[in-house]
């Protein structure tokens, strides 16, 4: 009997989600972007930097421009969703 095939490597989105979930329960710290504590944009910066190697910046104003537009309903795990007033 041949050996079982290796499972495919995780997608980028699966890697992002898996890494991010390790930090559930870490403290909120205004201006934080390390495991010592995060704010919202600091957390997304930390996760993307440590999974994909991209620095998307630590400001919500610049983070949407670091990626590409994904149409509503086509979102995948790991995508960041931004809202505007």
N, C-alpha and C. Protein backbone atom coordinates (compact mmCIF):
# COMPACT_ATOMS: atom_id res chain seq x y z
N UNK A 1 0.85 -1.18 0.00
CA UNK A 1 0.00 0.00 0.00
C UNK A 1 0.90 1.25 0.00
N UNK A 2 0.66 2.18 -0.93
CA UNK A 2 1.50 3.39 -0.98
C UNK A 2 1.25 4.28 0.22
N UNK A 3 2.28 5.04 0.62
CA UNK A 3 2.08 5.96 1.75
C UNK A 3 1.04 7.01 1.41
N UNK A 4 0.37 7.48 2.44
CA UNK A 4 -0.64 8.53 2.27
C UNK A 4 0.02 9.80 1.76
N UNK A 5 -0.68 10.48 0.89
CA UNK A 5 -0.17 11.74 0.34
C UNK A 5 -0.12 12.80 1.44
N UNK A 6 0.89 13.63 1.37
CA UNK A 6 1.00 14.73 2.31
C UNK A 6 -0.14 15.72 2.05
N UNK A 7 -0.72 16.28 3.12
CA UNK A 7 -1.75 17.30 2.90
C UNK A 7 -1.12 18.53 2.25
N UNK A 8 -1.90 19.28 1.49
CA UNK A 8 -1.35 20.49 0.88
C UNK A 8 -0.96 21.49 1.96
N UNK A 9 0.03 22.34 1.68
CA UNK A 9 0.39 23.36 2.67
C UNK A 9 -0.78 24.33 2.86
N UNK A 10 -0.86 24.96 4.02
CA UNK A 10 -1.96 25.91 4.23
C UNK A 10 -1.87 27.09 3.27
N UNK A 11 -3.03 27.61 2.92
CA UNK A 11 -3.06 28.81 2.09
C UNK A 11 -2.57 30.00 2.90
N UNK A 12 -2.29 31.10 2.24
CA UNK A 12 -1.87 32.32 2.95
C UNK A 12 -2.93 32.72 3.96
N UNK A 13 -4.19 32.66 3.56
CA UNK A 13 -5.28 33.04 4.47
C UNK A 13 -5.35 32.14 5.68
N UNK A 14 -5.18 30.84 5.47
CA UNK A 14 -5.19 29.90 6.60
C UNK A 14 -4.02 30.16 7.54
N UNK A 15 -2.87 30.50 6.98
CA UNK A 15 -1.71 30.83 7.81
C UNK A 15 -1.96 32.09 8.62
N UNK A 16 -2.55 33.09 7.99
CA UNK A 16 -2.86 34.35 8.69
C UNK A 16 -3.81 34.08 9.85
N UNK A 17 -4.89 33.36 9.58
CA UNK A 17 -5.89 33.08 10.62
C UNK A 17 -5.30 32.25 11.75
N UNK A 18 -4.56 31.19 11.40
CA UNK A 18 -3.96 30.35 12.43
C UNK A 18 -3.00 31.11 13.32
N UNK A 19 -2.19 31.97 12.71
CA UNK A 19 -1.25 32.78 13.49
C UNK A 19 -2.00 33.76 14.38
N UNK A 20 -3.00 34.43 13.84
CA UNK A 20 -3.75 35.44 14.59
C UNK A 20 -4.46 34.81 15.80
N UNK A 21 -5.00 33.62 15.62
CA UNK A 21 -5.74 32.98 16.72
C UNK A 21 -4.86 32.65 17.91
N UNK A 22 -3.57 32.56 17.71
CA UNK A 22 -2.66 32.31 18.83
C UNK A 22 -2.66 33.47 19.84
N UNK A 23 -3.14 34.63 19.41
CA UNK A 23 -3.07 35.83 20.25
C UNK A 23 -4.42 36.23 20.85
N UNK A 24 -5.39 35.35 20.76
CA UNK A 24 -6.68 35.61 21.42
C UNK A 24 -6.42 35.78 22.91
N UNK A 25 -6.94 36.85 23.47
CA UNK A 25 -6.79 37.11 24.89
C UNK A 25 -5.62 37.99 25.27
N UNK A 26 -4.77 38.32 24.31
CA UNK A 26 -3.66 39.23 24.62
C UNK A 26 -4.23 40.62 24.90
N UNK A 27 -3.54 41.43 25.69
CA UNK A 27 -4.13 42.71 26.09
C UNK A 27 -4.18 43.74 24.97
N UNK A 28 -5.18 44.62 25.10
CA UNK A 28 -5.25 45.81 24.25
C UNK A 28 -4.31 46.85 24.85
N UNK A 29 -3.47 47.42 24.01
CA UNK A 29 -2.57 48.50 24.42
C UNK A 29 -2.61 49.55 23.32
N UNK A 30 -3.04 50.75 23.64
CA UNK A 30 -3.07 51.82 22.64
C UNK A 30 -1.69 52.00 22.04
N UNK A 31 -1.60 51.96 20.73
CA UNK A 31 -0.33 52.11 20.03
C UNK A 31 0.51 50.84 19.99
N UNK A 32 0.00 49.75 20.57
CA UNK A 32 0.78 48.52 20.63
C UNK A 32 0.79 47.74 19.33
N UNK A 33 1.93 47.16 19.01
CA UNK A 33 2.03 46.29 17.84
C UNK A 33 3.00 45.14 18.09
N UNK A 34 3.05 44.69 19.35
CA UNK A 34 3.87 43.54 19.74
C UNK A 34 3.03 42.62 20.61
N UNK A 35 3.57 41.44 20.90
CA UNK A 35 2.86 40.49 21.74
C UNK A 35 2.65 41.00 23.16
N UNK A 36 3.31 42.09 23.53
CA UNK A 36 3.07 42.69 24.84
C UNK A 36 1.71 43.36 24.89
N UNK A 37 1.12 43.65 23.75
CA UNK A 37 -0.20 44.26 23.65
C UNK A 37 -0.38 44.93 22.31
N UNK A 38 -1.62 44.92 21.83
CA UNK A 38 -1.94 45.41 20.49
C UNK A 38 -3.07 46.42 20.51
N UNK A 39 -3.06 47.34 19.56
CA UNK A 39 -4.29 48.03 19.21
C UNK A 39 -4.74 47.40 17.88
N UNK A 40 -5.83 47.87 17.32
CA UNK A 40 -6.41 47.21 16.14
C UNK A 40 -5.44 47.14 14.96
N UNK A 41 -4.94 48.30 14.54
CA UNK A 41 -4.06 48.31 13.37
C UNK A 41 -2.69 47.73 13.71
N UNK A 42 -2.28 47.82 14.95
CA UNK A 42 -1.02 47.20 15.36
C UNK A 42 -1.10 45.69 15.29
N UNK A 43 -2.27 45.15 15.62
CA UNK A 43 -2.45 43.70 15.53
C UNK A 43 -2.40 43.22 14.09
N UNK A 44 -3.10 43.90 13.20
CA UNK A 44 -3.07 43.48 11.79
C UNK A 44 -1.67 43.65 11.22
N UNK A 45 -0.97 44.71 11.59
CA UNK A 45 0.41 44.89 11.14
C UNK A 45 1.27 43.73 11.61
N UNK A 46 1.18 43.37 12.87
CA UNK A 46 1.97 42.29 13.47
C UNK A 46 1.69 40.96 12.78
N UNK A 47 0.42 40.65 12.57
CA UNK A 47 0.05 39.36 11.97
C UNK A 47 0.55 39.26 10.53
N UNK A 48 0.30 40.28 9.72
CA UNK A 48 0.72 40.22 8.32
C UNK A 48 2.24 40.20 8.21
N UNK A 49 2.92 40.96 9.02
CA UNK A 49 4.38 40.97 8.99
C UNK A 49 4.95 39.59 9.33
N UNK A 50 4.34 38.93 10.32
CA UNK A 50 4.86 37.64 10.77
C UNK A 50 4.38 36.45 9.97
N UNK A 51 3.40 36.62 9.10
CA UNK A 51 2.95 35.51 8.26
C UNK A 51 3.38 35.68 6.81
N UNK A 52 3.23 36.87 6.26
CA UNK A 52 3.54 37.10 4.86
C UNK A 52 4.84 37.87 4.65
N UNK A 53 5.35 38.49 5.72
CA UNK A 53 6.59 39.24 5.61
C UNK A 53 6.42 40.64 5.06
N UNK A 54 5.17 41.12 4.99
CA UNK A 54 4.90 42.48 4.49
C UNK A 54 4.60 43.39 5.67
N UNK A 55 5.16 44.59 5.65
CA UNK A 55 4.81 45.59 6.65
C UNK A 55 3.74 46.50 6.06
N UNK A 56 2.51 46.33 6.54
CA UNK A 56 1.40 47.12 6.02
C UNK A 56 1.22 48.43 6.78
N UNK A 57 2.15 48.72 7.68
CA UNK A 57 2.09 49.96 8.44
C UNK A 57 1.22 49.84 9.67
N UNK A 58 1.34 50.82 10.52
CA UNK A 58 0.60 50.82 11.78
C UNK A 58 -0.35 52.01 11.82
N UNK A 59 -1.14 52.12 10.80
CA UNK A 59 -2.17 53.17 10.77
C UNK A 59 -3.27 52.70 9.84
N UNK A 60 -4.48 52.76 10.32
CA UNK A 60 -5.60 52.28 9.51
C UNK A 60 -5.75 53.09 8.22
N UNK A 61 -5.24 54.31 8.20
CA UNK A 61 -5.33 55.12 6.99
C UNK A 61 -4.53 54.52 5.84
N UNK A 62 -3.42 53.86 6.13
CA UNK A 62 -2.57 53.32 5.09
C UNK A 62 -2.78 51.84 4.80
N UNK A 63 -3.33 51.10 5.74
CA UNK A 63 -3.46 49.66 5.56
C UNK A 63 -4.33 49.24 4.37
N UNK A 64 -5.45 49.90 4.10
CA UNK A 64 -6.23 49.48 2.93
C UNK A 64 -5.45 49.56 1.62
N UNK A 65 -4.55 50.51 1.51
CA UNK A 65 -3.76 50.66 0.30
C UNK A 65 -2.64 49.64 0.17
N UNK A 66 -2.40 48.85 1.21
CA UNK A 66 -1.33 47.86 1.18
C UNK A 66 -1.75 46.58 0.46
N UNK A 67 -3.04 46.46 0.17
CA UNK A 67 -3.54 45.24 -0.47
C UNK A 67 -4.27 45.54 -1.76
N UNK A 68 -5.12 44.62 -2.13
CA UNK A 68 -5.93 44.80 -3.34
C UNK A 68 -7.40 44.69 -2.97
N UNK A 69 -8.23 45.32 -3.79
CA UNK A 69 -9.67 45.32 -3.57
C UNK A 69 -10.23 43.93 -3.83
N UNK A 70 -11.09 43.46 -2.93
CA UNK A 70 -11.82 42.20 -3.10
C UNK A 70 -13.30 42.54 -3.04
N UNK A 71 -14.04 42.11 -4.03
CA UNK A 71 -15.48 42.41 -4.06
C UNK A 71 -16.22 41.76 -2.90
N UNK A 72 -17.29 42.42 -2.47
CA UNK A 72 -18.16 41.90 -1.43
C UNK A 72 -18.61 40.50 -1.81
N UNK A 73 -18.54 39.60 -0.87
CA UNK A 73 -18.96 38.23 -1.12
C UNK A 73 -17.85 37.33 -1.61
N UNK A 74 -16.70 37.91 -1.96
CA UNK A 74 -15.57 37.11 -2.43
C UNK A 74 -14.46 37.04 -1.37
N UNK A 75 -14.76 37.51 -0.18
CA UNK A 75 -13.77 37.53 0.89
C UNK A 75 -13.37 36.10 1.27
N UNK A 76 -12.12 35.97 1.69
CA UNK A 76 -11.56 34.69 2.10
C UNK A 76 -10.95 34.84 3.50
N UNK A 77 -10.75 33.72 4.21
CA UNK A 77 -10.06 33.82 5.50
C UNK A 77 -8.73 34.56 5.34
N UNK A 78 -8.47 35.45 6.27
CA UNK A 78 -7.24 36.23 6.24
C UNK A 78 -7.38 37.59 5.60
N UNK A 79 -8.47 37.82 4.85
CA UNK A 79 -8.69 39.14 4.25
C UNK A 79 -9.01 40.15 5.35
N UNK A 80 -8.53 41.37 5.19
CA UNK A 80 -8.88 42.46 6.10
C UNK A 80 -10.02 43.24 5.46
N UNK A 81 -11.01 43.58 6.26
CA UNK A 81 -12.18 44.31 5.78
C UNK A 81 -12.20 45.67 6.46
N UNK A 82 -12.26 46.73 5.66
CA UNK A 82 -12.27 48.10 6.18
C UNK A 82 -13.59 48.77 5.83
N UNK A 83 -14.11 49.56 6.73
CA UNK A 83 -15.33 50.30 6.53
C UNK A 83 -15.05 51.79 6.59
N UNK A 84 -15.82 52.54 5.86
CA UNK A 84 -15.68 54.00 5.88
C UNK A 84 -17.01 54.58 6.28
N UNK A 85 -16.97 55.67 7.07
CA UNK A 85 -18.22 56.29 7.51
C UNK A 85 -19.03 56.59 6.31
